[in-house]
């Protein structure tokens, strides 16, 4: 199961993490894993190229962690919110279609 955790402090998204493989199909043919990866990596590109921030990115096999600095939240709060909320909506929609393969958690800090 792929676990997606999104962390918020008040209305601000401060970080998100994606871990594990969905187990929907074999590696290389898993459309659920590919969909989660596409949505989350597009959000990272949006943060970098559209919001023009430099999040702290940690990538390992089967995991992606993104942290947003307090300075970025002060100057790009709306852009960050829209990009990550859009990612959450995409993951939420996938979770409805594949509930045994995706776990989305929103965590308040």
C-alpha atoms as a PDB file:
ATOM      1  CA  UNK A   1       0.000   0.000   0.000  1.00  0.00           C
ATOM      2  CA  UNK A   2       1.195   3.501  -0.815  1.00  0.00           C
ATOM      3  CA  UNK A   3       0.939   5.845   2.141  1.00  0.00           C
ATOM      4  CA  UNK A   4       0.658   9.589   1.480  1.00  0.00           C
ATOM      5  CA  UNK A   5       0.925  11.884   4.491  1.00  0.00           C
ATOM      6  CA  UNK A   6       0.307  15.608   4.206  1.00  0.00           C
ATOM      7  CA  UNK A   7       1.238  17.824   7.155  1.00  0.00           C
ATOM      8  CA  UNK A   8      -0.460  21.144   7.912  1.00  0.00           C
ATOM      9  CA  UNK A   9       0.138  23.815  10.484  1.00  0.00           C
ATOM     10  CA  UNK A  10      -3.082  25.790  10.571  1.00  0.00           C
ATOM     11  CA  UNK A  11      -3.923  26.426   6.919  1.00  0.00           C
ATOM     12  CA  UNK A  12      -0.308  26.036   5.758  1.00  0.00           C
ATOM     13  CA  UNK A  13       1.032  22.867   4.196  1.00  0.00           C
ATOM     14  CA  UNK A  14       4.486  22.325   5.679  1.00  0.00           C
ATOM     15  CA  UNK A  15       5.461  18.977   4.189  1.00  0.00           C
ATOM     16  CA  UNK A  16       4.308  15.774   2.558  1.00  0.00           C
ATOM     17  CA  UNK A  17       5.650  12.251   2.341  1.00  0.00           C
ATOM     18  CA  UNK A  18       4.920   9.338   0.020  1.00  0.00           C
ATOM     19  CA  UNK A  19       6.076   5.860   1.013  1.00  0.00           C
ATOM     20  CA  UNK A  20       5.677   2.340  -0.239  1.00  0.00           C
ATOM     21  CA  UNK A  21       4.384   0.669  -3.348  1.00  0.00           C
ATOM     22  CA  UNK A  22       0.695   0.168  -3.976  1.00  0.00           C
ATOM     23  CA  UNK A  23       0.873  -3.541  -4.666  1.00  0.00           C
ATOM     24  CA  UNK A  24      -1.712  -3.188  -7.430  1.00  0.00           C
ATOM     25  CA  UNK A  25       0.535  -4.875 -10.005  1.00  0.00           C
ATOM     26  CA  UNK A  26       4.152  -5.856 -10.568  1.00  0.00           C
ATOM     27  CA  UNK A  27       6.821  -3.171 -10.567  1.00  0.00           C
ATOM     28  CA  UNK A  28       6.867  -1.439 -13.924  1.00  0.00           C
ATOM     29  CA  UNK A  29       3.217  -2.165 -14.695  1.00  0.00           C
ATOM     30  CA  UNK A  30       1.579  -0.709 -11.574  1.00  0.00           C
ATOM     31  CA  UNK A  31      -0.765   2.039 -12.770  1.00  0.00           C
ATOM     32  CA  UNK A  32      -1.665   3.056  -9.215  1.00  0.00           C
ATOM     33  CA  UNK A  33       1.967   3.589  -8.230  1.00  0.00           C
ATOM     34  CA  UNK A  34       2.621   5.426 -11.491  1.00  0.00           C
ATOM     35  CA  UNK A  35      -0.397   7.675 -10.924  1.00  0.00           C
ATOM     36  CA  UNK A  36       0.645   8.579  -7.375  1.00  0.00           C
ATOM     37  CA  UNK A  37       4.180   9.278  -8.586  1.00  0.00           C
ATOM     38  CA  UNK A  38       2.956  11.475 -11.438  1.00  0.00           C
ATOM     39  CA  UNK A  39       0.674  13.513  -9.182  1.00  0.00           C
ATOM     40  CA  UNK A  40       3.218  14.022  -6.397  1.00  0.00           C
ATOM     41  CA  UNK A  41       6.162  14.719  -8.690  1.00  0.00           C
ATOM     42  CA  UNK A  42       4.076  17.228 -10.638  1.00  0.00           C
ATOM     43  CA  UNK A  43       3.339  18.975  -7.331  1.00  0.00           C
ATOM     44  CA  UNK A  44       7.090  19.152  -6.657  1.00  0.00           C
ATOM     45  CA  UNK A  45       7.648  20.671 -10.101  1.00  0.00           C
ATOM     46  CA  UNK A  46       4.865  23.160  -9.397  1.00  0.00           C
ATOM     47  CA  UNK A  47       6.519  24.205  -6.142  1.00  0.00           C
ATOM     48  CA  UNK A  48       9.872  24.674  -7.871  1.00  0.00           C
ATOM     49  CA  UNK A  49       8.873  26.088 -11.272  1.00  0.00           C
ATOM     50  CA  UNK A  50       5.571  27.855 -10.585  1.00  0.00           C
ATOM     51  CA  UNK A  51       5.853  28.963  -6.949  1.00  0.00           C
ATOM     52  CA  UNK A  52       9.607  29.447  -7.422  1.00  0.00           C
ATOM     53  CA  UNK A  53      10.574  27.938  -4.073  1.00  0.00           C
ATOM     54  CA  UNK A  54      13.261  25.415  -3.195  1.00  0.00           C
ATOM     55  CA  UNK A  55      11.678  22.758  -0.984  1.00  0.00           C
ATOM     56  CA  UNK A  56      13.878  20.272   0.834  1.00  0.00           C
ATOM     57  CA  UNK A  57      13.554  17.081  -1.186  1.00  0.00           C
ATOM     58  CA  UNK A  58      14.475  13.615   0.030  1.00  0.00           C
ATOM     59  CA  UNK A  59      14.116  10.830  -2.525  1.00  0.00           C
ATOM     60  CA  UNK A  60      14.838   7.176  -1.850  1.00  0.00           C
ATOM     61  CA  UNK A  61      13.639   4.014  -3.506  1.00  0.00           C
ATOM     62  CA  UNK A  62       9.928   3.850  -2.759  1.00  0.00           C
ATOM     63  CA  UNK A  63       9.718   7.183  -0.925  1.00  0.00           C
ATOM     64  CA  UNK A  64       9.575  10.925  -1.464  1.00  0.00           C
ATOM     65  CA  UNK A  65       9.609  13.549   1.283  1.00  0.00           C
ATOM     66  CA  UNK A  66       9.135  17.279   0.741  1.00  0.00           C
ATOM     67  CA  UNK A  67       9.550  19.984   3.372  1.00  0.00           C
ATOM     68  CA  UNK A  68       8.749  23.638   2.877  1.00  0.00           C
ATOM     69  CA  UNK A  69      10.680  26.291   4.729  1.00  0.00           C
ATOM     70  CA  UNK A  70       8.907  28.853   6.951  1.00  0.00           C
ATOM     71  CA  UNK A  71      10.413  31.590   4.762  1.00  0.00           C
ATOM     72  CA  UNK A  72       8.756  30.145   1.655  1.00  0.00           C
ATOM     73  CA  UNK A  73       5.429  29.926   3.490  1.00  0.00           C
ATOM     74  CA  UNK A  74       5.670  33.620   4.352  1.00  0.00           C
ATOM     75  CA  UNK A  75       6.263  34.729   0.765  1.00  0.00           C
ATOM     76  CA  UNK A  76       4.438  32.098  -1.316  1.00  0.00           C
ATOM     77  CA  UNK A  77       1.652  30.865   0.978  1.00  0.00           C
ATOM     78  CA  UNK A  78      -1.164  30.968  -1.580  1.00  0.00           C
ATOM     79  CA  UNK A  79       0.822  29.329  -4.384  1.00  0.00           C
ATOM     80  CA  UNK A  80       2.027  26.551  -2.062  1.00  0.00           C
ATOM     81  CA  UNK A  81      -1.498  25.948  -0.768  1.00  0.00           C
ATOM     82  CA  UNK A  82      -3.036  25.722  -4.243  1.00  0.00           C
ATOM     83  CA  UNK A  83      -0.350  23.360  -5.572  1.00  0.00           C
ATOM     84  CA  UNK A  84      -0.427  20.969  -2.622  1.00  0.00           C
ATOM     85  CA  UNK A  85      -4.222  21.067  -2.226  1.00  0.00           C
ATOM     86  CA  UNK A  86      -4.516  20.156  -5.911  1.00  0.00           C
ATOM     87  CA  UNK A  87      -2.145  17.229  -5.292  1.00  0.00           C
ATOM     88  CA  UNK A  88      -4.266  16.133  -2.307  1.00  0.00           C
ATOM     89  CA  UNK A  89      -7.437  16.224  -4.420  1.00  0.00           C
ATOM     90  CA  UNK A  90      -5.781  14.052  -7.073  1.00  0.00           C
ATOM     91  CA  UNK A  91      -4.587  11.534  -4.473  1.00  0.00           C
ATOM     92  CA  UNK A  92      -8.003  11.571  -2.780  1.00  0.00           C
ATOM     93  CA  UNK A  93      -9.669  10.753  -6.103  1.00  0.00           C
ATOM     94  CA  UNK A  94      -7.246   7.861  -6.674  1.00  0.00           C
ATOM     95  CA  UNK A  95      -7.853   6.609  -3.143  1.00  0.00           C
ATOM     96  CA  UNK A  96     -11.588   6.405  -3.870  1.00  0.00           C
ATOM     97  CA  UNK A  97     -10.856   4.264  -6.931  1.00  0.00           C
ATOM     98  CA  UNK A  98      -8.172   2.102  -5.281  1.00  0.00           C
ATOM     99  CA  UNK A  99      -8.891   2.106  -1.512  1.00  0.00           C
ATOM    100  CA  UNK A 100      -6.890  -1.067  -0.864  1.00  0.00           C
ATOM    101  CA  UNK A 101      -3.782   0.424  -2.447  1.00  0.00           C
ATOM    102  CA  UNK A 102      -3.594   4.068  -1.279  1.00  0.00           C
ATOM    103  CA  UNK A 103      -3.822   5.539   2.220  1.00  0.00           C
ATOM    104  CA  UNK A 104      -4.032   9.352   2.381  1.00  0.00           C
ATOM    105  CA  UNK A 105      -3.579  10.955   5.788  1.00  0.00           C
ATOM    106  CA  UNK A 106      -3.791  14.654   6.563  1.00  0.00           C
ATOM    107  CA  UNK A 107      -1.923  15.441   9.772  1.00  0.00           C
ATOM    108  CA  UNK A 108      -2.365  18.658  11.768  1.00  0.00           C
ATOM    109  CA  UNK A 109       0.752  19.883  13.530  1.00  0.00           C
END
